N, C-alpha and C. Protein backbone atom coordinates (compact mmCIF):
# COMPACT_ATOMS: atom_id res chain seq x y z
N MET A 1 0.25 -25.63 -13.33
CA MET A 1 -0.22 -24.04 -13.54
C MET A 1 -0.90 -23.28 -12.21
N SER A 2 -0.49 -22.11 -12.27
CA SER A 2 -0.95 -21.27 -11.29
C SER A 2 -1.63 -20.18 -11.45
N GLN A 3 -2.46 -19.55 -10.76
CA GLN A 3 -3.70 -18.61 -10.96
C GLN A 3 -2.82 -17.36 -10.56
N TYR A 4 -3.23 -16.30 -11.42
CA TYR A 4 -2.63 -14.84 -11.06
C TYR A 4 -3.69 -13.86 -11.27
N LEU A 5 -3.87 -12.95 -10.09
CA LEU A 5 -4.94 -11.77 -10.60
C LEU A 5 -4.02 -10.72 -11.08
N VAL A 6 -4.80 -10.07 -12.24
CA VAL A 6 -4.12 -8.86 -12.81
C VAL A 6 -5.00 -7.89 -12.77
N LEU A 7 -4.64 -6.89 -12.01
CA LEU A 7 -5.54 -5.49 -11.40
C LEU A 7 -5.18 -4.58 -12.17
N ILE A 8 -5.80 -3.93 -12.79
CA ILE A 8 -5.63 -2.64 -13.91
C ILE A 8 -5.88 -1.57 -13.08
N TYR A 9 -5.08 -0.71 -12.76
CA TYR A 9 -5.32 0.80 -12.21
C TYR A 9 -5.25 1.63 -13.25
N GLN A 10 -5.97 2.77 -13.18
CA GLN A 10 -6.14 3.86 -14.03
C GLN A 10 -6.79 5.08 -13.54
N ASP A 11 -6.13 5.99 -13.97
CA ASP A 11 -6.93 7.59 -13.56
C ASP A 11 -8.11 7.36 -14.52
N GLU A 12 -9.00 7.56 -13.49
CA GLU A 12 -10.78 7.35 -13.94
C GLU A 12 -11.53 8.71 -15.12
N ARG A 13 -10.52 9.81 -14.56
CA ARG A 13 -10.70 11.27 -15.50
C ARG A 13 -10.17 10.75 -16.98
N GLN A 14 -9.54 9.86 -17.05
CA GLN A 14 -8.95 9.46 -18.51
C GLN A 14 -9.80 8.46 -19.08
N VAL A 15 -10.80 8.18 -18.52
CA VAL A 15 -11.32 6.63 -18.94
C VAL A 15 -12.83 6.92 -19.52
N THR A 16 -13.07 6.49 -20.93
CA THR A 16 -14.24 6.99 -21.27
C THR A 16 -15.39 5.73 -21.08
N GLU A 17 -16.61 6.07 -21.25
CA GLU A 17 -17.50 4.69 -21.13
C GLU A 17 -17.45 3.62 -22.10
N PRO A 18 -17.59 2.44 -21.61
CA PRO A 18 -17.44 1.49 -22.31
C PRO A 18 -18.27 0.91 -23.41
N THR A 19 -18.50 1.73 -24.50
CA THR A 19 -19.41 1.35 -25.68
C THR A 19 -18.86 0.83 -26.37
N PRO A 20 -19.55 -0.26 -27.59
CA PRO A 20 -18.83 -0.98 -28.39
C PRO A 20 -17.78 -0.52 -29.45
N GLY A 21 -18.21 0.67 -29.73
CA GLY A 21 -16.95 1.28 -30.54
C GLY A 21 -15.96 1.82 -29.98
N ASN A 22 -15.52 1.87 -28.79
CA ASN A 22 -14.69 2.58 -27.89
C ASN A 22 -13.54 2.18 -28.28
N PRO A 23 -12.56 2.63 -28.60
CA PRO A 23 -10.93 2.13 -28.95
C PRO A 23 -10.64 1.22 -27.99
N ALA A 24 -10.87 1.41 -26.70
CA ALA A 24 -10.15 0.94 -25.43
C ALA A 24 -10.87 -0.65 -25.35
N MET A 25 -12.30 -0.59 -25.64
CA MET A 25 -13.17 -1.79 -25.66
C MET A 25 -12.39 -2.69 -26.81
N SER A 26 -12.18 -2.11 -28.10
CA SER A 26 -11.72 -2.97 -29.10
C SER A 26 -10.01 -3.48 -28.51
N SER A 27 -9.51 -2.75 -27.81
CA SER A 27 -8.06 -2.94 -27.16
C SER A 27 -8.19 -4.24 -26.30
N HIS A 28 -9.03 -4.34 -25.47
CA HIS A 28 -9.12 -5.08 -24.71
C HIS A 28 -9.86 -6.72 -25.19
N ARG A 29 -10.61 -6.19 -26.26
CA ARG A 29 -11.10 -7.57 -26.95
C ARG A 29 -10.04 -8.47 -27.81
N GLN A 30 -9.21 -7.68 -28.32
CA GLN A 30 -7.96 -7.98 -28.96
C GLN A 30 -6.89 -8.76 -27.97
N PHE A 31 -6.65 -8.34 -27.15
CA PHE A 31 -6.09 -8.79 -25.72
C PHE A 31 -6.76 -10.21 -25.34
N MET A 32 -7.99 -9.98 -25.14
CA MET A 32 -8.88 -11.69 -24.80
C MET A 32 -8.44 -12.57 -25.71
N GLU A 33 -8.94 -11.98 -27.06
CA GLU A 33 -8.45 -13.01 -28.10
C GLU A 33 -6.96 -13.44 -28.11
N ALA A 34 -6.10 -12.81 -27.89
CA ALA A 34 -4.74 -13.36 -27.71
C ALA A 34 -4.38 -14.17 -27.10
N ASN A 35 -4.89 -13.95 -25.84
CA ASN A 35 -4.57 -14.50 -24.72
C ASN A 35 -5.70 -15.69 -24.03
N GLN A 36 -6.48 -15.76 -24.85
CA GLN A 36 -7.64 -16.85 -24.32
C GLN A 36 -7.11 -18.20 -23.86
N SER A 37 -6.11 -18.75 -24.14
CA SER A 37 -5.62 -19.72 -23.43
C SER A 37 -5.21 -19.65 -21.96
N ALA A 38 -5.00 -18.25 -21.67
CA ALA A 38 -4.51 -18.11 -20.27
C ALA A 38 -5.26 -17.45 -19.43
N LEU A 39 -6.54 -16.81 -19.88
CA LEU A 39 -7.67 -16.23 -19.04
C LEU A 39 -8.69 -17.14 -18.84
N CYS A 40 -8.96 -16.94 -17.17
CA CYS A 40 -9.96 -18.04 -16.51
C CYS A 40 -11.06 -16.90 -16.33
N GLY A 41 -11.16 -15.52 -16.69
CA GLY A 41 -12.19 -14.49 -16.06
C GLY A 41 -11.59 -13.11 -16.27
N GLY A 42 -12.48 -12.11 -15.89
CA GLY A 42 -12.05 -10.94 -15.85
C GLY A 42 -13.33 -9.91 -16.24
N ASN A 43 -13.15 -8.71 -15.73
CA ASN A 43 -14.30 -7.72 -15.66
C ASN A 43 -13.94 -6.28 -15.54
N ALA A 44 -14.49 -5.50 -16.24
CA ALA A 44 -14.44 -4.13 -16.05
C ALA A 44 -15.26 -3.99 -14.86
N LEU A 45 -14.47 -2.45 -13.92
CA LEU A 45 -15.61 -2.45 -12.85
C LEU A 45 -16.20 -0.69 -12.63
N ALA A 46 -17.46 -0.35 -12.22
CA ALA A 46 -17.90 0.53 -12.38
C ALA A 46 -16.93 1.75 -11.65
N HIS A 47 -17.04 3.13 -12.22
CA HIS A 47 -16.22 4.20 -11.59
C HIS A 47 -16.35 4.09 -9.82
N SER A 48 -15.31 4.49 -9.26
CA SER A 48 -15.18 4.43 -7.63
C SER A 48 -16.05 5.08 -7.17
N HIS A 49 -16.84 6.08 -7.39
CA HIS A 49 -17.49 6.88 -6.88
C HIS A 49 -18.91 6.05 -6.69
N SER A 50 -18.67 4.99 -7.22
CA SER A 50 -20.28 4.06 -6.96
C SER A 50 -19.88 2.97 -5.75
N ALA A 51 -18.57 2.85 -5.24
CA ALA A 51 -17.93 2.12 -4.54
C ALA A 51 -18.77 2.25 -3.13
N THR A 52 -18.72 1.15 -2.15
CA THR A 52 -19.33 1.37 -0.73
C THR A 52 -18.10 0.64 -0.10
N SER A 53 -17.57 1.65 1.03
CA SER A 53 -16.40 0.34 1.77
C SER A 53 -17.04 0.43 3.36
N ILE A 54 -16.52 -0.91 3.75
CA ILE A 54 -17.06 -1.40 5.05
C ILE A 54 -15.63 -1.34 6.07
N ARG A 55 -15.69 -1.05 6.90
CA ARG A 55 -14.53 -1.01 7.73
C ARG A 55 -15.17 -1.30 9.37
N PRO A 56 -14.32 -2.22 9.77
CA PRO A 56 -14.42 -2.39 11.49
C PRO A 56 -14.50 -1.06 12.05
N ASP A 57 -15.44 -0.81 13.19
CA ASP A 57 -15.22 0.26 13.87
C ASP A 57 -14.60 0.15 15.29
N GLY A 58 -14.04 -1.28 15.46
CA GLY A 58 -13.22 -1.41 16.67
C GLY A 58 -13.91 -1.64 17.86
N ALA A 59 -15.65 -1.62 17.98
CA ALA A 59 -16.40 -2.06 18.68
C ALA A 59 -17.30 -3.06 18.21
N GLY A 60 -16.64 -3.88 17.45
CA GLY A 60 -17.75 -5.27 17.13
C GLY A 60 -18.44 -4.65 16.10
N GLY A 61 -18.52 -3.66 15.66
CA GLY A 61 -19.29 -3.21 14.61
C GLY A 61 -18.76 -2.80 13.37
N PHE A 62 -19.25 -1.96 12.32
CA PHE A 62 -18.70 -1.52 10.99
C PHE A 62 -19.14 -0.10 10.66
N THR A 63 -18.45 0.48 10.04
CA THR A 63 -18.75 1.80 9.75
C THR A 63 -18.80 1.63 8.04
N VAL A 64 -19.96 2.13 7.47
CA VAL A 64 -19.92 1.68 6.13
C VAL A 64 -20.05 3.24 5.50
N THR A 65 -19.09 3.59 4.48
CA THR A 65 -19.17 4.90 3.82
C THR A 65 -18.95 4.62 2.34
N ASP A 66 -19.67 5.64 1.39
CA ASP A 66 -19.48 5.78 0.28
C ASP A 66 -18.15 6.07 -0.33
N GLY A 67 -17.77 5.37 -1.16
CA GLY A 67 -16.49 6.01 -1.98
C GLY A 67 -15.78 4.45 -1.87
N PRO A 68 -14.51 4.88 -2.48
CA PRO A 68 -13.59 3.80 -2.38
C PRO A 68 -12.73 3.35 -1.17
N PHE A 69 -12.20 2.42 -0.93
CA PHE A 69 -11.37 1.84 0.22
C PHE A 69 -10.19 3.06 0.15
N ALA A 70 -9.87 3.12 -0.68
CA ALA A 70 -8.37 3.93 -0.86
C ALA A 70 -8.71 5.28 -1.94
N GLU A 71 -8.83 6.68 -1.53
CA GLU A 71 -8.79 7.49 -2.37
C GLU A 71 -7.47 7.85 -3.04
N THR A 72 -7.44 7.51 -4.33
CA THR A 72 -6.00 8.10 -5.11
C THR A 72 -6.51 8.15 -6.20
N LYS A 73 -5.19 8.82 -6.99
CA LYS A 73 -5.41 9.30 -8.47
C LYS A 73 -5.99 8.22 -9.48
N GLU A 74 -4.98 6.89 -9.34
CA GLU A 74 -5.40 5.79 -10.01
C GLU A 74 -6.24 4.88 -9.07
N GLN A 75 -7.08 4.46 -9.84
CA GLN A 75 -8.11 3.58 -9.41
C GLN A 75 -8.27 2.20 -9.57
N LEU A 76 -8.53 1.09 -9.14
CA LEU A 76 -9.07 -0.29 -9.60
C LEU A 76 -10.22 -0.20 -10.69
N GLY A 77 -9.77 -0.33 -11.88
CA GLY A 77 -10.83 -0.26 -12.81
C GLY A 77 -11.09 -1.58 -13.47
N GLY A 78 -10.64 -2.72 -13.32
CA GLY A 78 -11.11 -3.92 -13.60
C GLY A 78 -9.87 -4.80 -13.49
N TYR A 79 -10.11 -5.90 -13.83
CA TYR A 79 -9.06 -7.15 -13.80
C TYR A 79 -9.10 -8.41 -14.77
N TYR A 80 -8.32 -8.99 -14.65
CA TYR A 80 -8.38 -10.33 -15.36
C TYR A 80 -7.50 -11.70 -14.43
N LEU A 81 -7.88 -12.86 -14.43
CA LEU A 81 -7.92 -13.72 -13.87
C LEU A 81 -6.92 -14.74 -14.90
N ILE A 82 -5.75 -15.00 -14.51
CA ILE A 82 -5.10 -15.57 -15.86
C ILE A 82 -4.64 -16.83 -15.20
N GLU A 83 -4.10 -17.84 -15.85
CA GLU A 83 -3.48 -18.94 -15.66
C GLU A 83 -1.96 -19.12 -16.23
N ALA A 84 -0.81 -19.43 -15.16
CA ALA A 84 0.32 -19.18 -16.12
C ALA A 84 1.39 -20.22 -15.43
N ASP A 85 2.30 -20.52 -15.94
CA ASP A 85 3.31 -21.40 -15.51
C ASP A 85 4.06 -21.17 -14.42
N ASP A 86 4.39 -19.68 -14.26
CA ASP A 86 5.05 -19.03 -13.23
C ASP A 86 5.11 -17.59 -13.52
N LEU A 87 5.64 -16.89 -12.46
CA LEU A 87 5.40 -15.38 -12.19
C LEU A 87 5.89 -14.98 -13.66
N ASP A 88 6.85 -14.97 -14.51
CA ASP A 88 7.50 -14.59 -15.54
C ASP A 88 6.57 -14.87 -16.62
N ALA A 89 5.60 -15.77 -16.72
CA ALA A 89 4.87 -15.96 -17.65
C ALA A 89 3.53 -15.05 -17.40
N ALA A 90 3.15 -15.13 -16.39
CA ALA A 90 2.36 -14.15 -16.07
C ALA A 90 2.55 -12.72 -16.36
N LEU A 91 3.74 -12.06 -16.20
CA LEU A 91 4.13 -10.71 -16.29
C LEU A 91 4.05 -11.04 -17.80
N ALA A 92 4.42 -11.57 -18.43
CA ALA A 92 4.47 -11.84 -20.16
C ALA A 92 3.17 -11.43 -20.55
N VAL A 93 1.94 -12.07 -20.14
CA VAL A 93 0.57 -11.82 -20.34
C VAL A 93 0.09 -10.22 -19.79
N ALA A 94 0.57 -10.01 -18.59
CA ALA A 94 0.24 -9.10 -18.37
C ALA A 94 0.93 -7.54 -18.86
N ARG A 95 1.84 -7.89 -19.31
CA ARG A 95 2.69 -6.52 -20.15
C ARG A 95 1.57 -6.20 -21.48
N GLN A 96 0.84 -7.19 -21.84
CA GLN A 96 -0.20 -6.86 -23.06
C GLN A 96 -1.19 -6.56 -22.70
N VAL A 97 -1.80 -6.13 -21.45
CA VAL A 97 -3.10 -5.60 -21.04
C VAL A 97 -3.05 -3.99 -21.41
N PRO A 98 -4.17 -3.90 -22.30
CA PRO A 98 -4.02 -2.32 -23.06
C PRO A 98 -4.00 -1.41 -21.91
N MET A 99 -3.40 -0.53 -21.61
CA MET A 99 -3.31 0.41 -20.88
C MET A 99 -2.30 1.71 -21.15
N ALA A 100 -3.14 2.75 -21.39
CA ALA A 100 -2.77 4.20 -21.94
C ALA A 100 -1.79 4.75 -20.95
N GLU A 101 -2.48 5.00 -19.50
CA GLU A 101 -1.52 5.07 -18.31
C GLU A 101 -1.96 4.52 -17.12
N GLY A 102 -1.46 4.65 -15.92
CA GLY A 102 -1.84 3.80 -14.91
C GLY A 102 -0.90 2.59 -15.14
N GLY A 103 -1.47 1.22 -14.89
CA GLY A 103 -0.53 0.08 -14.88
C GLY A 103 -1.32 -1.09 -14.19
N VAL A 104 -0.51 -2.00 -14.06
CA VAL A 104 -1.44 -3.46 -13.72
C VAL A 104 -0.13 -3.73 -12.40
N GLU A 105 -1.22 -4.66 -11.68
CA GLU A 105 -0.54 -5.23 -10.65
C GLU A 105 -0.69 -6.77 -10.68
N VAL A 106 0.35 -7.77 -10.54
CA VAL A 106 0.16 -9.04 -10.73
C VAL A 106 0.47 -9.73 -9.49
N ARG A 107 -0.73 -10.58 -9.04
CA ARG A 107 -0.54 -10.78 -7.54
C ARG A 107 -0.94 -12.63 -7.88
N PRO A 108 -0.17 -13.51 -7.16
CA PRO A 108 -0.39 -14.86 -7.07
C PRO A 108 -1.87 -15.13 -6.54
N VAL A 109 -2.60 -15.88 -6.97
CA VAL A 109 -3.90 -16.19 -5.93
C VAL A 109 -3.23 -17.43 -5.12
N LEU A 110 -3.46 -17.26 -3.89
CA LEU A 110 -3.18 -18.42 -2.60
C LEU A 110 -3.87 -19.55 -3.02
N VAL A 111 -3.48 -20.75 -2.73
CA VAL A 111 -4.14 -22.06 -3.01
C VAL A 111 -4.38 -22.67 -1.28
N LEU A 112 -5.44 -22.60 -0.85
CA LEU A 112 -5.76 -22.84 0.46
C LEU A 112 -5.88 -24.08 0.63
N SER A 113 -5.25 -25.13 1.23
CA SER A 113 -5.75 -26.63 1.01
C SER A 113 -6.34 -26.89 2.56
């Protein structure tokens, strides 16, 4: 089995607060129940305006700025870590991730020995 990170991208202007009765939260709960054998972890992330980015300044130091690493319409809003036999199986799980807009990116986790 291999691990894959499923990154969930969405337009934050379309996202509502994750309250218990929120339909999006219910959809993710259903996704997690249906795919619990493949799930290794996952979390929702706070809005990108709460991010802090760190970049090397080229002189041996770092520049720290408020905001996401990349400013785009669709921001990283959460992720799932899954286990699957291969990429096709991982994509089958990822297609089930609730997303009204935006999309998901599936990336294999490298195994470093």
